[in-house]
Every structure is written in structure tokens, then in C-alpha cells.
Amino acid sequence: MEFSIRLERFLLLLLVAGVVAIVTRRVRVPYTVGLVLAGIGLSLHPFFGDVPFSKELIFNVFLPPLVFEAAIRIRWRDLRRDLPVILLLATAGVVLSAAVTALGMRYAAGWTWAGALLFGALIAASEPVSVVATFKEAGVRGSLRLL
């Protein structure tokens, strides 16, 4: 019985993602914005209220395809040309982003330091994936999209 409920939820989420893709194209809103709004709406529904999201699920199921899709489209010649800037953004930029996010969650939301730092690290590490997706939808090309 438990497996059938999980399968129903999964298939319903796929259907929602498809509908969101169609609607966002018609109203010309970024797909990622539509997914966030749909996720907020679904989280309020009792059928999806107890869906467990663990770090294993995020890191092993959701993040790898997104990172791979973004990485497979990189032109290596362009990557080598902009490698110093990319390395700076991938290290100092991510650390700074994690710190600012953690500070915001600590002081604006009142989280503990451990929770705020963990959240900052998770968001800073995965945020470039959503930026790449948004740039792709917007038709951004060249060095800006690569960076």
C-alpha cells in the first residue's frame, strides 16, 4: 500500500511539473518561478504535507541531473579561457554566498548557527544550477552564461 501511495505522489508531481511548464510558457514566466509557486501550493495540500525531503534525496536524486545538464553544455574552449574567474566565483563566491545566506537566516529567521550555516552551504552550492536554468530560458549566451 505504501508503495502505491508513493507512486501516485511521484506521478502527480510529474503531471504538475508538466502543467507548470505549459502554463509558464504561455504566461511568459520563468519555469523555475512556476515550480517554486507550485511547490508552495502543493506543500499546503494534505496529500503532500508529509513528503520527507532528506539531504540524501536532494543530493542523490535531484541535484546530479541538474548539475550534469548544466555541465554537459559547456564549451571547453570557453571554459579554459575563463577558468581563473570561474575558479574565483566557485570558491570565494560560494563561500561568500553561504555566509550571507547563513547570516540572513540567523538574524532574520532566528535559526541556530548550525542550521543557518548548513542551509547557507546547501543553497550556495545549488543556486548556480537555478541561475543556469534561468539564463537558458532567457536565451543568455556567451561568457555571462558560462560564468
Protein backbone atom coordinates (compact mmCIF):
# COMPACT_ATOMS: atom_id res chain seq x y z
CA MET A 1 0.00 0.00 0.00
CA GLU A 2 2.80 2.42 0.90
CA PHE A 3 4.50 1.91 -2.47
CA SER A 4 1.32 2.72 -4.40
CA ILE A 5 0.89 5.99 -2.49
CA ARG A 6 4.50 6.95 -3.24
CA LEU A 7 4.00 6.09 -6.91
CA GLU A 8 0.81 8.16 -7.03
CA ARG A 9 2.60 11.14 -5.50
CA PHE A 10 5.51 10.80 -7.90
CA LEU A 11 3.24 10.59 -10.96
CA LEU A 12 1.16 13.51 -9.72
CA LEU A 13 4.32 15.59 -9.22
CA LEU A 14 5.41 14.78 -12.79
CA LEU A 15 1.99 15.85 -14.04
CA VAL A 16 2.19 19.09 -12.05
CA ALA A 17 5.68 19.79 -13.43
CA GLY A 18 4.37 19.29 -16.97
CA VAL A 19 1.39 21.57 -16.39
CA VAL A 20 3.66 24.20 -14.84
CA ALA A 21 5.92 24.03 -17.92
CA ILE A 22 2.96 24.64 -20.22
CA VAL A 23 1.48 27.45 -18.13
CA THR A 24 4.80 29.26 -17.63
CA ARG A 25 5.44 29.24 -21.37
CA ARG A 26 2.04 30.72 -22.09
CA VAL A 27 2.26 33.46 -19.46
CA ARG A 28 5.98 34.02 -20.14
CA VAL A 29 7.22 33.44 -16.61
CA PRO A 30 10.46 31.58 -15.88
CA TYR A 31 9.87 27.87 -15.30
CA THR A 32 11.78 27.95 -12.02
CA VAL A 33 9.42 30.61 -10.66
CA GLY A 34 6.45 28.47 -11.66
CA LEU A 35 7.94 25.43 -9.95
CA VAL A 36 8.53 27.36 -6.74
CA LEU A 37 4.95 28.64 -6.73
CA ALA A 38 3.59 25.17 -7.49
CA GLY A 39 5.76 23.69 -4.73
CA ILE A 40 4.45 26.19 -2.21
CA GLY A 41 0.90 25.38 -3.28
CA LEU A 42 1.46 21.62 -3.08
CA SER A 43 3.08 21.88 0.34
CA LEU A 44 -0.18 23.27 1.68
CA HIS A 45 -2.18 20.29 0.37
CA PRO A 46 -2.60 17.44 2.88
CA PHE A 47 -1.67 14.76 0.27
CA PHE A 48 1.84 16.22 0.04
CA GLY A 49 2.19 17.51 3.60
CA ASP A 50 4.18 14.57 4.89
CA VAL A 51 6.59 14.04 1.96
CA PRO A 52 10.03 13.63 3.54
CA PHE A 53 12.79 15.65 1.89
CA SER A 54 16.12 14.46 3.16
CA LYS A 55 19.58 15.61 2.19
CA GLU A 56 20.13 12.19 0.56
CA LEU A 57 17.11 12.72 -1.70
CA ILE A 58 18.25 16.20 -2.72
CA PHE A 59 21.92 15.32 -3.21
CA ASN A 60 21.42 11.89 -4.84
CA VAL A 61 18.25 12.35 -6.88
CA PHE A 62 17.56 15.98 -7.69
CA LEU A 63 20.94 17.73 -7.84
CA PRO A 64 23.04 15.37 -10.06
CA PRO A 65 20.84 15.60 -13.18
CA LEU A 66 20.66 19.40 -12.85
CA VAL A 67 24.42 19.77 -12.46
CA PHE A 68 25.11 17.28 -15.26
CA GLU A 69 22.72 19.05 -17.64
CA ALA A 70 24.41 22.37 -16.97
CA ALA A 71 27.92 20.90 -17.30
CA ILE A 72 27.31 18.93 -20.50
CA ARG A 73 26.58 22.12 -22.44
CA ILE A 74 29.85 23.86 -21.53
CA ARG A 75 32.21 24.55 -24.41
CA TRP A 76 35.66 23.53 -23.17
CA ARG A 77 37.47 26.24 -25.12
CA ASP A 78 35.40 28.90 -23.38
CA LEU A 79 35.87 27.20 -20.01
CA ARG A 80 39.66 27.22 -20.32
CA ARG A 81 39.62 30.87 -21.36
CA ASP A 82 37.57 31.98 -18.34
CA LEU A 83 38.96 29.44 -15.84
CA PRO A 84 40.54 31.95 -13.40
CA VAL A 85 37.30 33.89 -12.99
CA ILE A 86 35.27 30.68 -12.75
CA LEU A 87 37.55 29.31 -10.02
CA LEU A 88 37.27 32.56 -8.08
CA LEU A 89 33.47 32.51 -8.30
CA ALA A 90 33.31 28.80 -7.48
CA THR A 91 35.34 29.22 -4.31
CA ALA A 92 35.20 32.70 -2.82
CA GLY A 93 31.81 33.45 -4.40
CA VAL A 94 30.19 30.32 -2.98
CA VAL A 95 31.72 30.87 0.47
CA LEU A 96 30.53 34.49 0.49
CA SER A 97 27.07 33.49 -0.69
CA ALA A 98 26.83 30.79 2.00
CA ALA A 99 27.94 33.27 4.68
CA VAL A 100 25.44 35.94 3.64
CA THR A 101 22.62 33.38 3.48
CA ALA A 102 23.57 31.99 6.90
CA LEU A 103 23.66 35.49 8.41
CA GLY A 104 20.26 36.22 6.96
CA MET A 105 18.74 33.02 8.30
CA ARG A 106 20.36 33.53 11.71
CA TYR A 107 19.21 37.11 12.23
CA ALA A 108 16.10 37.40 10.04
CA ALA A 109 14.59 33.98 10.78
CA GLY A 110 16.13 33.34 14.20
CA TRP A 111 17.70 30.00 13.27
CA THR A 112 20.54 28.45 15.24
CA TRP A 113 24.04 28.95 13.86
CA ALA A 114 24.35 25.28 12.92
CA GLY A 115 21.08 25.26 10.98
CA ALA A 116 21.77 28.61 9.32
CA LEU A 117 25.27 27.59 8.21
CA LEU A 118 24.04 24.26 6.88
CA PHE A 119 21.23 25.95 4.96
CA GLY A 120 23.64 28.57 3.60
CA ALA A 121 26.03 25.89 2.37
CA LEU A 122 23.23 23.91 0.71
CA ILE A 123 21.73 26.92 -1.03
CA ALA A 124 25.07 28.39 -2.13
CA ALA A 125 26.16 25.08 -3.64
CA SER A 126 22.95 24.52 -5.61
CA GLU A 127 22.00 28.08 -6.54
CA PRO A 128 24.17 28.20 -9.71
CA VAL A 129 22.03 25.41 -11.15
CA SER A 130 18.89 27.56 -10.98
CA VAL A 131 20.76 30.56 -12.40
CA VAL A 132 21.93 28.47 -15.37
CA ALA A 133 18.36 27.27 -15.94
CA THR A 134 17.03 30.82 -15.82
CA PHE A 135 19.75 32.07 -18.19
CA LYS A 136 18.97 29.22 -20.57
CA GLU A 137 15.29 30.14 -20.61
CA ALA A 138 16.10 33.81 -21.13
CA GLY A 139 18.37 33.00 -24.07
CA VAL A 140 21.55 34.37 -22.45
CA ARG A 141 24.63 33.35 -24.45
CA GLY A 142 28.36 33.81 -24.23
CA SER A 143 30.62 34.48 -21.28
CA LEU A 144 27.84 35.58 -18.89
CA ARG A 145 26.07 32.23 -19.18
CA LEU A 146 29.36 30.35 -18.76
CA LEU A 147 30.38 32.33 -15.69
